[in-house]
Amino acid sequence: MRFDRIAFSVLLFLLVINAGCAVLDGGMPRFMLFSEQERTLTEARVQLRLGNEQKAHDLLEKVVDGAPATGISDEAFFRLALLSLRGDGMKGVQLAQTLLEKLSGKYPDSLWTRQSAPLLAHLAEARALRNRQREMKSLKEQNLSLSRDNKEMRQSLEQLKRLDMELEQKIKR
């Protein structure tokens, strides 16, 4: 029985010493930081299930802004991107695309990166399509302006022809 207590005490002592060595810049042990991020991510999932998207959005941003943690931060990036698609019209879409690009850059081997690839491709195609539509609108406006200019030039040409004919008739008299 005494040996068990000594072994337990030694293991507890080693755990405490080891936890002290795993301190990050913020002064919090690494295992506590990751568990805090896990708790925050879990709370965000709960808020999503409850339909409280704004609270989930805030919690996911907290995870994303924290220290990178594979399996936690990558899921937070993905979920935050999905939530961003709902809001702010084009700003939301651009934010979602930016978040998904960060996800693929920071976590290239993540399951969430592979799952986000089709969505990221779709968003890139949608952006290209919007750019083409803007370009098409601009070209249509230019075409309309040129058509008006062309019509004015034809009218001016017709007036010049009429004036020229009147001048010739006056000269003949």
N, C-alpha and C. Protein backbone atom coordinates (compact mmCIF):
# COMPACT_ATOMS: atom_id res chain seq x y z
N MET A 1 0.81 -1.18 0.00
CA MET A 1 0.00 0.00 0.00
C MET A 1 0.87 1.27 0.00
N ARG A 2 1.96 1.23 0.79
CA ARG A 2 2.85 2.36 0.87
C ARG A 2 3.53 2.61 -0.48
N PHE A 3 3.88 1.55 -1.20
CA PHE A 3 4.50 1.68 -2.52
C PHE A 3 3.55 2.38 -3.50
N ASP A 4 2.26 2.07 -3.44
CA ASP A 4 1.26 2.70 -4.32
C ASP A 4 1.19 4.20 -4.06
N ARG A 5 1.26 4.58 -2.81
CA ARG A 5 1.20 6.01 -2.48
C ARG A 5 2.45 6.73 -2.96
N ILE A 6 3.58 6.09 -2.81
CA ILE A 6 4.84 6.71 -3.25
C ILE A 6 4.83 6.84 -4.77
N ALA A 7 4.41 5.78 -5.46
CA ALA A 7 4.35 5.81 -6.93
C ALA A 7 3.36 6.88 -7.39
N PHE A 8 2.22 6.97 -6.74
CA PHE A 8 1.22 7.99 -7.09
C PHE A 8 1.78 9.38 -6.87
N SER A 9 2.48 9.58 -5.74
CA SER A 9 3.07 10.89 -5.44
C SER A 9 4.12 11.27 -6.47
N VAL A 10 4.95 10.31 -6.85
CA VAL A 10 5.99 10.58 -7.85
C VAL A 10 5.35 10.93 -9.19
N LEU A 11 4.34 10.17 -9.59
CA LEU A 11 3.66 10.46 -10.87
C LEU A 11 2.98 11.83 -10.84
N LEU A 12 2.35 12.15 -9.72
CA LEU A 12 1.71 13.46 -9.59
C LEU A 12 2.75 14.56 -9.68
N PHE A 13 3.88 14.37 -9.00
CA PHE A 13 4.96 15.33 -9.03
C PHE A 13 5.48 15.53 -10.46
N LEU A 14 5.70 14.42 -11.17
CA LEU A 14 6.18 14.50 -12.56
C LEU A 14 5.16 15.20 -13.45
N LEU A 15 3.90 14.96 -13.24
CA LEU A 15 2.85 15.61 -14.03
C LEU A 15 2.85 17.12 -13.81
N VAL A 16 3.00 17.53 -12.55
CA VAL A 16 3.03 18.95 -12.23
C VAL A 16 4.26 19.60 -12.85
N ILE A 17 5.40 18.96 -12.75
CA ILE A 17 6.63 19.51 -13.33
C ILE A 17 6.49 19.58 -14.84
N ASN A 18 5.99 18.53 -15.45
CA ASN A 18 5.82 18.48 -16.90
C ASN A 18 4.84 19.55 -17.37
N ALA A 19 3.78 19.78 -16.62
CA ALA A 19 2.80 20.80 -16.99
C ALA A 19 3.45 22.17 -16.95
N GLY A 20 4.36 22.37 -16.01
CA GLY A 20 5.06 23.65 -15.92
C GLY A 20 5.96 23.89 -17.12
N CYS A 21 6.46 22.83 -17.74
CA CYS A 21 7.34 22.96 -18.90
C CYS A 21 6.55 23.22 -20.18
N ALA A 22 5.28 22.94 -20.15
CA ALA A 22 4.45 23.10 -21.36
C ALA A 22 3.75 24.43 -21.39
N VAL A 23 4.37 25.46 -20.84
CA VAL A 23 3.74 26.78 -20.78
C VAL A 23 4.00 27.53 -22.07
N LEU A 24 2.96 28.21 -22.56
CA LEU A 24 3.07 29.02 -23.77
C LEU A 24 3.34 30.47 -23.39
N ASP A 25 3.35 31.36 -24.37
CA ASP A 25 3.60 32.77 -24.14
C ASP A 25 2.63 33.38 -23.15
N GLY A 26 1.39 32.96 -23.19
CA GLY A 26 0.37 33.54 -22.33
C GLY A 26 0.49 33.08 -20.89
N GLY A 27 1.38 32.14 -20.59
CA GLY A 27 1.56 31.69 -19.23
C GLY A 27 0.65 30.55 -18.85
N MET A 28 -0.18 30.07 -19.79
CA MET A 28 -1.09 28.98 -19.50
C MET A 28 -0.50 27.70 -20.06
N PRO A 29 -0.56 26.61 -19.28
CA PRO A 29 -0.04 25.35 -19.80
C PRO A 29 -0.72 24.96 -21.11
N ARG A 30 0.06 24.36 -22.01
CA ARG A 30 -0.43 24.02 -23.34
C ARG A 30 -1.68 23.13 -23.28
N PHE A 31 -1.68 22.13 -22.38
CA PHE A 31 -2.84 21.24 -22.33
C PHE A 31 -4.09 21.99 -21.87
N MET A 32 -3.91 23.01 -21.01
CA MET A 32 -5.07 23.79 -20.57
C MET A 32 -5.56 24.69 -21.68
N LEU A 33 -4.64 25.24 -22.49
CA LEU A 33 -5.02 26.09 -23.59
C LEU A 33 -5.84 25.32 -24.61
N PHE A 34 -5.37 24.12 -24.99
CA PHE A 34 -6.10 23.34 -25.97
C PHE A 34 -7.44 22.89 -25.43
N SER A 35 -7.48 22.54 -24.14
CA SER A 35 -8.76 22.13 -23.60
C SER A 35 -9.71 23.32 -23.54
N GLU A 36 -9.18 24.52 -23.33
CA GLU A 36 -10.02 25.73 -23.35
C GLU A 36 -10.58 25.95 -24.76
N GLN A 37 -9.73 25.77 -25.76
CA GLN A 37 -10.21 25.92 -27.14
C GLN A 37 -11.24 24.84 -27.46
N GLU A 38 -11.00 23.64 -26.98
CA GLU A 38 -11.97 22.56 -27.20
C GLU A 38 -13.30 22.89 -26.55
N ARG A 39 -13.25 23.43 -25.33
CA ARG A 39 -14.49 23.80 -24.64
C ARG A 39 -15.21 24.91 -25.41
N THR A 40 -14.45 25.87 -25.90
CA THR A 40 -15.06 26.97 -26.66
C THR A 40 -15.69 26.43 -27.95
N LEU A 41 -14.99 25.53 -28.63
CA LEU A 41 -15.54 24.94 -29.85
C LEU A 41 -16.79 24.12 -29.54
N THR A 42 -16.75 23.38 -28.45
CA THR A 42 -17.92 22.58 -28.05
C THR A 42 -19.10 23.50 -27.73
N GLU A 43 -18.83 24.59 -27.05
CA GLU A 43 -19.90 25.55 -26.74
C GLU A 43 -20.45 26.17 -28.02
N ALA A 44 -19.59 26.44 -29.00
CA ALA A 44 -20.05 26.97 -30.29
C ALA A 44 -20.96 25.97 -30.98
N ARG A 45 -20.60 24.69 -30.94
CA ARG A 45 -21.46 23.65 -31.53
C ARG A 45 -22.83 23.63 -30.85
N VAL A 46 -22.83 23.74 -29.52
CA VAL A 46 -24.08 23.76 -28.78
C VAL A 46 -24.92 24.96 -29.19
N GLN A 47 -24.29 26.10 -29.31
CA GLN A 47 -25.02 27.31 -29.71
C GLN A 47 -25.59 27.18 -31.12
N LEU A 48 -24.85 26.51 -31.99
CA LEU A 48 -25.35 26.27 -33.34
C LEU A 48 -26.59 25.38 -33.30
N ARG A 49 -26.54 24.34 -32.49
CA ARG A 49 -27.70 23.44 -32.36
C ARG A 49 -28.91 24.18 -31.81
N LEU A 50 -28.66 25.13 -30.92
CA LEU A 50 -29.75 25.91 -30.33
C LEU A 50 -30.24 27.01 -31.26
N GLY A 51 -29.53 27.23 -32.35
CA GLY A 51 -29.93 28.25 -33.32
C GLY A 51 -29.39 29.63 -33.01
N ASN A 52 -28.50 29.75 -32.05
CA ASN A 52 -27.92 31.04 -31.69
C ASN A 52 -26.64 31.25 -32.50
N GLU A 53 -26.82 31.64 -33.75
CA GLU A 53 -25.68 31.74 -34.67
C GLU A 53 -24.71 32.86 -34.30
N GLN A 54 -25.22 33.98 -33.76
CA GLN A 54 -24.33 35.09 -33.42
C GLN A 54 -23.39 34.69 -32.29
N LYS A 55 -23.92 34.03 -31.27
CA LYS A 55 -23.08 33.58 -30.16
C LYS A 55 -22.07 32.54 -30.65
N ALA A 56 -22.53 31.62 -31.52
CA ALA A 56 -21.62 30.62 -32.09
C ALA A 56 -20.54 31.30 -32.91
N HIS A 57 -20.91 32.31 -33.67
CA HIS A 57 -19.95 33.07 -34.50
C HIS A 57 -18.87 33.68 -33.62
N ASP A 58 -19.29 34.31 -32.51
CA ASP A 58 -18.33 34.94 -31.60
C ASP A 58 -17.39 33.90 -30.98
N LEU A 59 -17.94 32.77 -30.58
CA LEU A 59 -17.12 31.72 -29.98
C LEU A 59 -16.13 31.14 -31.00
N LEU A 60 -16.59 30.94 -32.24
CA LEU A 60 -15.70 30.41 -33.27
C LEU A 60 -14.58 31.40 -33.60
N GLU A 61 -14.90 32.68 -33.61
CA GLU A 61 -13.86 33.69 -33.84
C GLU A 61 -12.81 33.63 -32.73
N LYS A 62 -13.26 33.38 -31.51
CA LYS A 62 -12.34 33.27 -30.37
C LYS A 62 -11.38 32.09 -30.58
N VAL A 63 -11.91 30.98 -31.07
CA VAL A 63 -11.06 29.81 -31.33
C VAL A 63 -10.08 30.10 -32.46
N VAL A 64 -10.57 30.70 -33.53
CA VAL A 64 -9.73 31.00 -34.70
C VAL A 64 -8.62 31.99 -34.35
N ASP A 65 -8.94 32.95 -33.49
CA ASP A 65 -7.94 33.96 -33.11
C ASP A 65 -6.92 33.41 -32.11
N GLY A 66 -7.22 32.28 -31.49
CA GLY A 66 -6.31 31.69 -30.52
C GLY A 66 -5.15 30.98 -31.18
N ALA A 67 -4.40 30.28 -30.36
CA ALA A 67 -3.25 29.53 -30.87
C ALA A 67 -3.72 28.41 -31.79
N PRO A 68 -3.01 28.17 -32.90
CA PRO A 68 -3.42 27.12 -33.82
C PRO A 68 -3.40 25.74 -33.16
N ALA A 69 -4.47 24.99 -33.37
CA ALA A 69 -4.57 23.64 -32.81
C ALA A 69 -5.27 22.76 -33.84
N THR A 70 -4.52 21.86 -34.45
CA THR A 70 -5.09 20.95 -35.44
C THR A 70 -6.22 20.16 -34.82
N GLY A 71 -7.31 20.06 -35.55
CA GLY A 71 -8.48 19.34 -35.06
C GLY A 71 -9.46 20.25 -34.35
N ILE A 72 -9.01 21.42 -33.95
CA ILE A 72 -9.88 22.37 -33.27
C ILE A 72 -10.01 23.64 -34.11
N SER A 73 -8.88 24.29 -34.36
CA SER A 73 -8.90 25.54 -35.11
C SER A 73 -9.39 25.32 -36.54
N ASP A 74 -9.01 24.20 -37.14
CA ASP A 74 -9.43 23.96 -38.53
C ASP A 74 -10.94 23.78 -38.61
N GLU A 75 -11.52 23.08 -37.66
CA GLU A 75 -12.99 22.95 -37.65
C GLU A 75 -13.64 24.31 -37.41
N ALA A 76 -13.04 25.12 -36.53
CA ALA A 76 -13.58 26.45 -36.26
C ALA A 76 -13.54 27.32 -37.52
N PHE A 77 -12.44 27.26 -38.27
CA PHE A 77 -12.35 28.00 -39.53
C PHE A 77 -13.49 27.60 -40.47
N PHE A 78 -13.69 26.29 -40.61
CA PHE A 78 -14.72 25.78 -41.52
C PHE A 78 -16.11 26.24 -41.09
N ARG A 79 -16.43 26.06 -39.82
CA ARG A 79 -17.76 26.44 -39.33
C ARG A 79 -17.97 27.95 -39.40
N LEU A 80 -16.94 28.71 -39.11
CA LEU A 80 -17.04 30.17 -39.18
C LEU A 80 -17.27 30.62 -40.62
N ALA A 81 -16.61 29.96 -41.56
CA ALA A 81 -16.82 30.29 -42.98
C ALA A 81 -18.27 30.03 -43.38
N LEU A 82 -18.82 28.90 -42.93
CA LEU A 82 -20.21 28.59 -43.26
C LEU A 82 -21.16 29.63 -42.67
N LEU A 83 -20.90 30.03 -41.43
CA LEU A 83 -21.75 31.05 -40.81
C LEU A 83 -21.61 32.39 -41.52
N SER A 84 -20.42 32.69 -42.01
CA SER A 84 -20.18 33.97 -42.69
C SER A 84 -20.93 34.07 -44.01
N LEU A 85 -21.24 32.94 -44.61
CA LEU A 85 -21.98 32.95 -45.87
C LEU A 85 -23.36 33.56 -45.72
N ARG A 86 -23.93 33.46 -44.54
CA ARG A 86 -25.29 33.94 -44.30
C ARG A 86 -25.39 35.45 -44.21
N GLY A 87 -24.36 36.12 -43.78
CA GLY A 87 -24.50 37.53 -43.45
C GLY A 87 -23.79 38.47 -44.39
N ASP A 88 -24.22 39.71 -44.34
CA ASP A 88 -23.56 40.84 -45.00
C ASP A 88 -23.44 40.71 -46.51
N GLY A 89 -24.28 39.95 -47.17
CA GLY A 89 -24.27 39.86 -48.63
C GLY A 89 -22.91 39.47 -49.17
N MET A 90 -22.36 40.30 -50.03
CA MET A 90 -21.09 39.99 -50.69
C MET A 90 -19.92 40.01 -49.70
N LYS A 91 -20.01 40.85 -48.68
CA LYS A 91 -18.93 40.87 -47.68
C LYS A 91 -18.84 39.53 -46.97
N GLY A 92 -20.00 38.94 -46.68
CA GLY A 92 -20.02 37.64 -46.04
C GLY A 92 -19.40 36.56 -46.91
N VAL A 93 -19.72 36.61 -48.20
CA VAL A 93 -19.17 35.62 -49.14
C VAL A 93 -17.65 35.79 -49.24
N GLN A 94 -17.20 37.03 -49.31
CA GLN A 94 -15.76 37.28 -49.39
C GLN A 94 -15.05 36.84 -48.11
N LEU A 95 -15.69 37.09 -46.95
CA LEU A 95 -15.10 36.65 -45.69
C LEU A 95 -15.03 35.13 -45.63
N ALA A 96 -16.08 34.47 -46.08
CA ALA A 96 -16.09 33.00 -46.09
C ALA A 96 -14.97 32.47 -46.97
N GLN A 97 -14.80 33.06 -48.14
CA GLN A 97 -13.74 32.62 -49.04
C GLN A 97 -12.37 32.85 -48.41
N THR A 98 -12.18 33.97 -47.76
CA THR A 98 -10.92 34.26 -47.09
C THR A 98 -10.64 33.25 -45.98
N LEU A 99 -11.67 32.94 -45.19
CA LEU A 99 -11.51 31.97 -44.10
C LEU A 99 -11.16 30.58 -44.64
N LEU A 100 -11.83 30.19 -45.72
CA LEU A 100 -11.55 28.88 -46.30
C LEU A 100 -10.15 28.83 -46.91
N GLU A 101 -9.69 29.94 -47.48
CA GLU A 101 -8.33 29.99 -48.01
C GLU A 101 -7.31 29.90 -46.87
N LYS A 102 -7.60 30.56 -45.74
CA LYS A 102 -6.71 30.45 -44.58
C LYS A 102 -6.70 29.02 -44.06
N LEU A 103 -7.88 28.40 -44.03
CA LEU A 103 -7.97 27.00 -43.58
C LEU A 103 -7.08 26.11 -44.43
N SER A 104 -7.18 26.26 -45.76
CA SER A 104 -6.38 25.39 -46.63
C SER A 104 -4.89 25.74 -46.55
N GLY A 105 -4.57 26.99 -46.23
CA GLY A 105 -3.17 27.37 -46.10
C GLY A 105 -2.54 26.89 -44.80
N LYS A 106 -3.28 27.00 -43.71
CA LYS A 106 -2.74 26.63 -42.40
C LYS A 106 -2.86 25.14 -42.11
N TYR A 107 -3.88 24.50 -42.65
CA TYR A 107 -4.13 23.09 -42.34
C TYR A 107 -4.37 22.31 -43.64
N PRO A 108 -3.35 22.17 -44.49
CA PRO A 108 -3.55 21.53 -45.80
C PRO A 108 -3.95 20.06 -45.71
N ASP A 109 -3.61 19.37 -44.65
CA ASP A 109 -3.92 17.95 -44.53
C ASP A 109 -5.18 17.67 -43.71
N SER A 110 -5.88 18.71 -43.34
CA SER A 110 -7.04 18.56 -42.47
C SER A 110 -8.24 18.00 -43.23
N LEU A 111 -9.05 17.24 -42.52
CA LEU A 111 -10.31 16.74 -43.06
C LEU A 111 -11.21 17.91 -43.44
N TRP A 112 -11.18 18.97 -42.64
CA TRP A 112 -12.03 20.14 -42.90
C TRP A 112 -11.57 20.86 -44.16
N THR A 113 -10.29 20.84 -44.46
CA THR A 113 -9.79 21.44 -45.70
C THR A 113 -10.31 20.66 -46.90
N ARG A 114 -10.27 19.34 -46.81
CA ARG A 114 -10.77 18.52 -47.92
C ARG A 114 -12.27 18.72 -48.11
N GLN A 115 -13.00 18.86 -47.00
CA GLN A 115 -14.43 19.07 -47.12
C GLN A 115 -14.77 20.45 -47.64
N SER A 116 -13.90 21.40 -47.40
CA SER A 116 -14.17 22.77 -47.84
C SER A 116 -13.75 23.03 -49.28
N ALA A 117 -12.97 22.12 -49.87
CA ALA A 117 -12.45 22.34 -51.23
C ALA A 117 -13.56 22.60 -52.26
N PRO A 118 -14.63 21.81 -52.30
CA PRO A 118 -15.68 22.10 -53.29
C PRO A 118 -16.35 23.46 -53.06
N LEU A 119 -16.56 23.81 -51.80
CA LEU A 119 -17.17 25.10 -51.49
C LEU A 119 -16.25 26.24 -51.89
N LEU A 120 -14.97 26.09 -51.62
CA LEU A 120 -14.00 27.11 -52.00
C LEU A 120 -13.95 27.27 -53.52
N ALA A 121 -13.98 26.16 -54.24
CA ALA A 121 -14.00 26.23 -55.71
C ALA A 121 -15.27 26.91 -56.20
N HIS A 122 -16.39 26.60 -55.58
CA HIS A 122 -17.66 27.22 -55.96
C HIS A 122 -17.62 28.73 -55.70
N LEU A 123 -17.09 29.13 -54.55
CA LEU A 123 -17.00 30.56 -54.24
C LEU A 123 -16.08 31.28 -55.21
N ALA A 124 -14.99 30.64 -55.60
CA ALA A 124 -14.07 31.25 -56.57
C ALA A 124 -14.75 31.40 -57.93
N GLU A 125 -15.50 30.38 -58.34
CA GLU A 125 -16.24 30.48 -59.61
C GLU A 125 -17.32 31.55 -59.53
N ALA A 126 -17.98 31.64 -58.40
CA ALA A 126 -19.03 32.65 -58.23
C ALA A 126 -18.42 34.06 -58.29
N ARG A 127 -17.23 34.22 -57.68
CA ARG A 127 -16.56 35.52 -57.74
C ARG A 127 -16.17 35.86 -59.19
N ALA A 128 -15.66 34.88 -59.91
CA ALA A 128 -15.29 35.11 -61.31
C ALA A 128 -16.54 35.47 -62.12
N LEU A 129 -17.64 34.78 -61.86
CA LEU A 129 -18.89 35.07 -62.56
C LEU A 129 -19.37 36.49 -62.25
N ARG A 130 -19.30 36.90 -60.98
CA ARG A 130 -19.69 38.27 -60.62
C ARG A 130 -18.81 39.30 -61.32
N ASN A 131 -17.51 39.01 -61.39
CA ASN A 131 -16.60 39.92 -62.09
C ASN A 131 -16.96 40.02 -63.57
N ARG A 132 -17.29 38.87 -64.17
CA ARG A 132 -17.71 38.90 -65.59
C ARG A 132 -19.00 39.66 -65.76
N GLN A 133 -19.92 39.50 -64.83
CA GLN A 133 -21.20 40.22 -64.92
C GLN A 133 -20.97 41.72 -64.80
N ARG A 134 -20.08 42.13 -63.88
CA ARG A 134 -19.76 43.56 -63.77
C ARG A 134 -19.13 44.06 -65.06
N GLU A 135 -18.24 43.26 -65.62
CA GLU A 135 -17.60 43.64 -66.88
C GLU A 135 -18.63 43.74 -68.00
N MET A 136 -19.56 42.78 -68.03
CA MET A 136 -20.60 42.78 -69.04
C MET A 136 -21.49 44.02 -68.89
N LYS A 137 -21.82 44.36 -67.66
CA LYS A 137 -22.65 45.54 -67.42
C LYS A 137 -21.92 46.79 -67.91
N SER A 138 -20.64 46.86 -67.61
CA SER A 138 -19.84 48.00 -68.06
C SER A 138 -19.80 48.07 -69.58
N LEU A 139 -19.60 46.92 -70.21
CA LEU A 139 -19.57 46.89 -71.68
C LEU A 139 -20.93 47.27 -72.28
N LYS A 140 -22.01 46.85 -71.65
CA LYS A 140 -23.35 47.23 -72.13
C LYS A 140 -23.55 48.74 -72.03
N GLU A 141 -23.09 49.32 -70.91
CA GLU A 141 -23.19 50.77 -70.75
C GLU A 141 -22.36 51.49 -71.81
N GLN A 142 -21.16 50.99 -72.07
CA GLN A 142 -20.33 51.59 -73.11
C GLN A 142 -20.99 51.45 -74.48
N ASN A 143 -21.57 50.29 -74.74
CA ASN A 143 -22.25 50.05 -76.00
C ASN A 143 -23.42 51.01 -76.15
N LEU A 144 -24.20 51.21 -75.10
CA LEU A 144 -25.33 52.14 -75.14
C LEU A 144 -24.84 53.56 -75.40
N SER A 145 -23.76 53.94 -74.74
CA SER A 145 -23.19 55.27 -74.94
C SER A 145 -22.71 55.44 -76.37
N LEU A 146 -22.03 54.43 -76.90
CA LEU A 146 -21.56 54.50 -78.29
C LEU A 146 -22.73 54.54 -79.27
N SER A 147 -23.78 53.81 -78.97
CA SER A 147 -24.97 53.84 -79.83
C SER A 147 -25.58 55.22 -79.85
N ARG A 148 -25.67 55.87 -78.70
CA ARG A 148 -26.18 57.25 -78.65
C ARG A 148 -25.29 58.19 -79.45
N ASP A 149 -23.97 58.04 -79.26
CA ASP A 149 -23.03 58.88 -80.02
C ASP A 149 -23.19 58.64 -81.52
N ASN A 150 -23.34 57.38 -81.91
CA ASN A 150 -23.52 57.04 -83.31
C ASN A 150 -24.79 57.67 -83.87
N LYS A 151 -25.86 57.61 -83.10
CA LYS A 151 -27.13 58.20 -83.53
C LYS A 151 -27.00 59.71 -83.69
N GLU A 152 -26.33 60.35 -82.75
CA GLU A 152 -26.11 61.80 -82.84
C GLU A 152 -25.27 62.14 -84.07
N MET A 153 -24.26 61.33 -84.33
CA MET A 153 -23.41 61.58 -85.50
C MET A 153 -24.21 61.42 -86.79
N ARG A 154 -25.08 60.40 -86.85
CA ARG A 154 -25.93 60.24 -88.05
C ARG A 154 -26.84 61.44 -88.24
N GLN A 155 -27.42 61.91 -87.15
CA GLN A 155 -28.29 63.08 -87.24
C GLN A 155 -27.51 64.30 -87.70
N SER A 156 -26.30 64.46 -87.17
CA SER A 156 -25.46 65.59 -87.59
C SER A 156 -25.09 65.45 -89.06
N LEU A 157 -24.79 64.24 -89.49
CA LEU A 157 -24.45 63.99 -90.89
C LEU A 157 -25.64 64.31 -91.79
N GLU A 158 -26.82 63.91 -91.36
CA GLU A 158 -28.04 64.21 -92.14
C GLU A 158 -28.25 65.71 -92.22
N GLN A 159 -28.03 66.42 -91.12
CA GLN A 159 -28.18 67.87 -91.14
C GLN A 159 -27.16 68.50 -92.08
N LEU A 160 -25.93 67.99 -92.04
CA LEU A 160 -24.90 68.53 -92.93
C LEU A 160 -25.27 68.29 -94.40
N LYS A 161 -25.81 67.10 -94.69
CA LYS A 161 -26.23 66.80 -96.06
C LYS A 161 -27.33 67.77 -96.49
N ARG A 162 -28.29 67.96 -95.60
CA ARG A 162 -29.40 68.86 -95.93
C ARG A 162 -28.88 70.28 -96.15
N LEU A 163 -27.99 70.74 -95.29
CA LEU A 163 -27.43 72.09 -95.44
C LEU A 163 -26.61 72.20 -96.73
N ASP A 164 -25.87 71.14 -97.03
CA ASP A 164 -25.07 71.13 -98.25
C ASP A 164 -25.98 71.21 -99.48
N MET A 165 -27.08 70.47 -99.46
CA MET A 165 -28.03 70.50 -100.59
C MET A 165 -28.68 71.88 -100.71
N GLU A 166 -29.02 72.48 -99.57
CA GLU A 166 -29.61 73.83 -99.61
C GLU A 166 -28.61 74.83 -100.15
N LEU A 167 -27.36 74.69 -99.76
CA LEU A 167 -26.33 75.59 -100.25
C LEU A 167 -26.13 75.43 -101.76
N GLU A 168 -26.15 74.22 -102.24
CA GLU A 168 -26.01 74.00 -103.68
C GLU A 168 -27.19 74.59 -104.43
N GLN A 169 -28.37 74.46 -103.89
CA GLN A 169 -29.55 75.03 -104.55
C GLN A 169 -29.48 76.55 -104.58
N LYS A 170 -28.98 77.16 -103.52
CA LYS A 170 -28.85 78.61 -103.48
C LYS A 170 -27.81 79.09 -104.48
N ILE A 171 -26.73 78.29 -104.63
CA ILE A 171 -25.68 78.68 -105.55
C ILE A 171 -26.20 78.58 -106.99
N LYS A 172 -27.02 77.60 -107.28
CA LYS A 172 -27.56 77.42 -108.63
C LYS A 172 -28.54 78.53 -108.97
N ARG A 173 -29.17 79.15 -108.13
CA ARG A 173 -30.15 80.18 -108.41
C ARG A 173 -29.49 81.43 -108.73
